[in-house]
Amino acid sequence: MGRITLSLFLLATFASAQVWTLHIGGMHCIACTLAVKKALLCVPGVTEAKVNFKNEEAKVTADESISLRRMQDAVAQTGYTATQK
């Protein structure tokens, strides 16, 4: 019975999640990716952030309450820009 409850919980969690692909401007090195990743993960509702320096992109998994503006503001506080791809 516990496995069914856990499965339903996980299904509901992932069903309400969305994935954003962002172009990150201003990154110059690998350390930049860590700063951007940390900033994105500090946004309440963001569950995962993968930042790629080479592609200048971030893939962010977040719940449906997260807006592009909140992620842009978090990235801007670290000195970079974020736009939706």
N, C-alpha and C. Protein backbone atom coordinates (compact mmCIF):
# COMPACT_ATOMS: atom_id res chain seq x y z
N MET A 1 0.82 -1.19 0.00
CA MET A 1 0.00 0.00 0.00
C MET A 1 0.86 1.26 0.00
N GLY A 2 1.98 1.26 0.72
CA GLY A 2 2.87 2.41 0.79
C GLY A 2 3.50 2.73 -0.55
N ARG A 3 3.79 1.72 -1.34
CA ARG A 3 4.41 1.94 -2.65
C ARG A 3 3.44 2.64 -3.60
N ILE A 4 2.19 2.30 -3.49
CA ILE A 4 1.19 2.94 -4.35
C ILE A 4 1.08 4.42 -4.01
N THR A 5 1.06 4.74 -2.74
CA THR A 5 0.98 6.13 -2.30
C THR A 5 2.20 6.91 -2.78
N LEU A 6 3.39 6.33 -2.61
CA LEU A 6 4.61 6.99 -3.06
C LEU A 6 4.60 7.18 -4.57
N SER A 7 4.16 6.18 -5.31
CA SER A 7 4.10 6.28 -6.76
C SER A 7 3.15 7.38 -7.20
N LEU A 8 1.99 7.47 -6.55
CA LEU A 8 1.03 8.52 -6.89
C LEU A 8 1.58 9.90 -6.56
N PHE A 9 2.29 9.99 -5.43
CA PHE A 9 2.90 11.26 -5.05
C PHE A 9 3.93 11.68 -6.09
N LEU A 10 4.80 10.77 -6.50
CA LEU A 10 5.83 11.09 -7.49
C LEU A 10 5.20 11.44 -8.82
N LEU A 11 4.16 10.73 -9.21
CA LEU A 11 3.48 11.02 -10.46
C LEU A 11 2.88 12.41 -10.43
N ALA A 12 2.24 12.77 -9.33
CA ALA A 12 1.64 14.10 -9.19
C ALA A 12 2.72 15.18 -9.20
N THR A 13 3.85 14.90 -8.56
CA THR A 13 4.94 15.87 -8.51
C THR A 13 5.50 16.13 -9.90
N PHE A 14 5.77 15.08 -10.64
CA PHE A 14 6.36 15.25 -11.97
C PHE A 14 5.35 15.73 -12.99
N ALA A 15 4.08 15.41 -12.79
CA ALA A 15 3.05 15.85 -13.72
C ALA A 15 2.89 17.37 -13.66
N SER A 16 3.10 17.96 -12.49
CA SER A 16 2.92 19.39 -12.36
C SER A 16 4.21 20.17 -12.60
N ALA A 17 5.30 19.47 -12.87
CA ALA A 17 6.58 20.13 -13.12
C ALA A 17 6.67 20.55 -14.59
N GLN A 18 7.39 21.62 -14.81
CA GLN A 18 7.65 22.06 -16.18
C GLN A 18 9.15 22.26 -16.36
N VAL A 19 9.60 22.13 -17.58
CA VAL A 19 11.03 22.30 -17.88
C VAL A 19 11.18 23.54 -18.75
N TRP A 20 12.04 24.43 -18.30
CA TRP A 20 12.35 25.67 -19.02
C TRP A 20 13.74 25.53 -19.63
N THR A 21 13.92 26.01 -20.83
CA THR A 21 15.24 26.11 -21.44
C THR A 21 15.54 27.60 -21.57
N LEU A 22 16.61 28.01 -20.90
CA LEU A 22 16.98 29.42 -20.87
C LEU A 22 18.33 29.65 -21.54
N HIS A 23 18.44 30.73 -22.27
CA HIS A 23 19.74 31.16 -22.78
C HIS A 23 20.35 32.04 -21.69
N ILE A 24 21.57 31.73 -21.28
CA ILE A 24 22.25 32.49 -20.24
C ILE A 24 23.35 33.31 -20.90
N GLY A 25 23.26 34.61 -20.77
CA GLY A 25 24.25 35.50 -21.36
C GLY A 25 25.24 36.00 -20.33
N GLY A 26 26.49 36.15 -20.77
CA GLY A 26 27.51 36.73 -19.90
C GLY A 26 28.41 35.74 -19.21
N MET A 27 28.22 34.44 -19.43
CA MET A 27 29.09 33.45 -18.78
C MET A 27 30.44 33.41 -19.50
N HIS A 28 31.52 33.40 -18.71
CA HIS A 28 32.85 33.40 -19.29
C HIS A 28 33.67 32.17 -18.90
N CYS A 29 33.22 31.43 -17.90
CA CYS A 29 34.00 30.29 -17.44
C CYS A 29 33.09 29.27 -16.74
N ILE A 30 33.68 28.16 -16.36
CA ILE A 30 32.92 27.11 -15.69
C ILE A 30 32.38 27.60 -14.34
N ALA A 31 33.13 28.45 -13.66
CA ALA A 31 32.66 28.97 -12.38
C ALA A 31 31.36 29.76 -12.55
N CYS A 32 31.19 30.37 -13.70
CA CYS A 32 29.95 31.09 -13.99
C CYS A 32 28.75 30.15 -13.95
N THR A 33 28.93 28.95 -14.47
CA THR A 33 27.82 27.98 -14.48
C THR A 33 27.40 27.64 -13.06
N LEU A 34 28.37 27.53 -12.17
CA LEU A 34 28.05 27.21 -10.77
C LEU A 34 27.27 28.34 -10.11
N ALA A 35 27.64 29.58 -10.41
CA ALA A 35 26.93 30.72 -9.84
C ALA A 35 25.48 30.77 -10.34
N VAL A 36 25.29 30.52 -11.63
CA VAL A 36 23.96 30.54 -12.22
C VAL A 36 23.12 29.39 -11.65
N LYS A 37 23.72 28.22 -11.57
CA LYS A 37 23.00 27.05 -11.04
C LYS A 37 22.56 27.31 -9.59
N LYS A 38 23.46 27.83 -8.79
CA LYS A 38 23.15 28.11 -7.39
C LYS A 38 22.01 29.13 -7.28
N ALA A 39 22.06 30.16 -8.11
CA ALA A 39 21.01 31.19 -8.09
C ALA A 39 19.66 30.60 -8.46
N LEU A 40 19.63 29.76 -9.48
CA LEU A 40 18.38 29.15 -9.91
C LEU A 40 17.82 28.20 -8.85
N LEU A 41 18.70 27.44 -8.23
CA LEU A 41 18.24 26.48 -7.21
C LEU A 41 17.74 27.19 -5.95
N CYS A 42 18.10 28.44 -5.76
CA CYS A 42 17.61 29.20 -4.61
C CYS A 42 16.19 29.74 -4.82
N VAL A 43 15.69 29.66 -6.04
CA VAL A 43 14.32 30.11 -6.32
C VAL A 43 13.36 29.05 -5.81
N PRO A 44 12.47 29.41 -4.88
CA PRO A 44 11.52 28.43 -4.36
C PRO A 44 10.67 27.83 -5.49
N GLY A 45 10.62 26.51 -5.55
CA GLY A 45 9.86 25.82 -6.59
C GLY A 45 10.73 25.23 -7.67
N VAL A 46 11.99 25.68 -7.77
CA VAL A 46 12.92 25.08 -8.73
C VAL A 46 13.48 23.82 -8.10
N THR A 47 13.34 22.70 -8.80
CA THR A 47 13.79 21.42 -8.27
C THR A 47 15.10 20.95 -8.88
N GLU A 48 15.42 21.45 -10.07
CA GLU A 48 16.65 21.02 -10.73
C GLU A 48 17.10 22.11 -11.70
N ALA A 49 18.40 22.31 -11.80
CA ALA A 49 18.96 23.26 -12.75
C ALA A 49 20.25 22.68 -13.32
N LYS A 50 20.29 22.52 -14.61
CA LYS A 50 21.50 22.05 -15.30
C LYS A 50 21.97 23.19 -16.20
N VAL A 51 23.17 23.67 -15.94
CA VAL A 51 23.70 24.81 -16.68
C VAL A 51 24.88 24.34 -17.51
N ASN A 52 24.86 24.68 -18.79
CA ASN A 52 25.90 24.26 -19.72
C ASN A 52 26.62 25.51 -20.24
N PHE A 53 27.90 25.62 -19.88
CA PHE A 53 28.70 26.79 -20.27
C PHE A 53 28.87 26.85 -21.79
N LYS A 54 29.18 25.72 -22.40
CA LYS A 54 29.44 25.68 -23.84
C LYS A 54 28.24 26.13 -24.67
N ASN A 55 27.07 25.68 -24.28
CA ASN A 55 25.85 26.03 -25.02
C ASN A 55 25.20 27.30 -24.52
N GLU A 56 25.75 27.88 -23.46
CA GLU A 56 25.17 29.08 -22.83
C GLU A 56 23.70 28.86 -22.52
N GLU A 57 23.41 27.71 -21.89
CA GLU A 57 22.01 27.40 -21.64
C GLU A 57 21.82 26.74 -20.28
N ALA A 58 20.61 26.90 -19.79
CA ALA A 58 20.22 26.26 -18.54
C ALA A 58 18.90 25.53 -18.78
N LYS A 59 18.80 24.31 -18.29
CA LYS A 59 17.55 23.57 -18.30
C LYS A 59 17.08 23.52 -16.86
N VAL A 60 15.92 24.09 -16.62
CA VAL A 60 15.41 24.24 -15.27
C VAL A 60 14.10 23.49 -15.13
N THR A 61 14.03 22.63 -14.13
CA THR A 61 12.79 21.93 -13.81
C THR A 61 12.20 22.61 -12.59
N ALA A 62 10.94 23.00 -12.71
CA ALA A 62 10.29 23.75 -11.63
C ALA A 62 8.81 23.43 -11.61
N ASP A 63 8.17 23.76 -10.49
CA ASP A 63 6.73 23.57 -10.44
C ASP A 63 6.05 24.67 -11.25
N GLU A 64 4.76 24.50 -11.46
CA GLU A 64 4.02 25.40 -12.34
C GLU A 64 3.89 26.83 -11.82
N SER A 65 4.19 27.05 -10.56
CA SER A 65 4.05 28.39 -10.00
C SER A 65 5.21 29.31 -10.36
N ILE A 66 6.28 28.76 -10.88
CA ILE A 66 7.47 29.55 -11.20
C ILE A 66 7.28 30.30 -12.52
N SER A 67 7.64 31.57 -12.49
CA SER A 67 7.56 32.38 -13.71
C SER A 67 8.96 32.61 -14.27
N LEU A 68 8.99 32.93 -15.54
CA LEU A 68 10.25 33.27 -16.19
C LEU A 68 10.89 34.46 -15.49
N ARG A 69 10.10 35.42 -15.09
CA ARG A 69 10.61 36.64 -14.44
C ARG A 69 11.37 36.33 -13.15
N ARG A 70 10.85 35.40 -12.36
CA ARG A 70 11.53 35.04 -11.10
C ARG A 70 12.90 34.43 -11.38
N MET A 71 12.98 33.59 -12.40
CA MET A 71 14.27 32.99 -12.74
C MET A 71 15.21 34.04 -13.31
N GLN A 72 14.70 34.93 -14.14
CA GLN A 72 15.53 36.00 -14.71
C GLN A 72 16.08 36.90 -13.62
N ASP A 73 15.26 37.23 -12.64
CA ASP A 73 15.71 38.08 -11.54
C ASP A 73 16.82 37.40 -10.74
N ALA A 74 16.68 36.10 -10.48
CA ALA A 74 17.69 35.36 -9.72
C ALA A 74 19.01 35.33 -10.49
N VAL A 75 18.94 35.10 -11.79
CA VAL A 75 20.16 35.06 -12.61
C VAL A 75 20.77 36.46 -12.69
N ALA A 76 19.95 37.48 -12.82
CA ALA A 76 20.45 38.86 -12.93
C ALA A 76 21.20 39.28 -11.67
N GLN A 77 20.79 38.77 -10.52
CA GLN A 77 21.49 39.11 -9.28
C GLN A 77 22.92 38.56 -9.25
N THR A 78 23.22 37.59 -10.11
CA THR A 78 24.57 37.06 -10.17
C THR A 78 25.38 37.73 -11.29
N GLY A 79 24.73 38.64 -12.03
CA GLY A 79 25.45 39.37 -13.07
C GLY A 79 25.28 38.82 -14.47
N TYR A 80 24.35 37.92 -14.68
CA TYR A 80 24.14 37.31 -15.99
C TYR A 80 22.73 37.61 -16.47
N THR A 81 22.45 37.27 -17.70
CA THR A 81 21.10 37.47 -18.24
C THR A 81 20.49 36.11 -18.57
N ALA A 82 19.17 36.04 -18.53
CA ALA A 82 18.45 34.82 -18.87
C ALA A 82 17.28 35.16 -19.76
N THR A 83 17.19 34.51 -20.89
CA THR A 83 16.05 34.66 -21.79
C THR A 83 15.54 33.28 -22.16
N GLN A 84 14.25 33.18 -22.43
CA GLN A 84 13.69 31.88 -22.78
C GLN A 84 14.07 31.53 -24.20
N LYS A 85 14.47 30.28 -24.39
CA LYS A 85 14.81 29.79 -25.72
C LYS A 85 13.58 29.28 -26.42
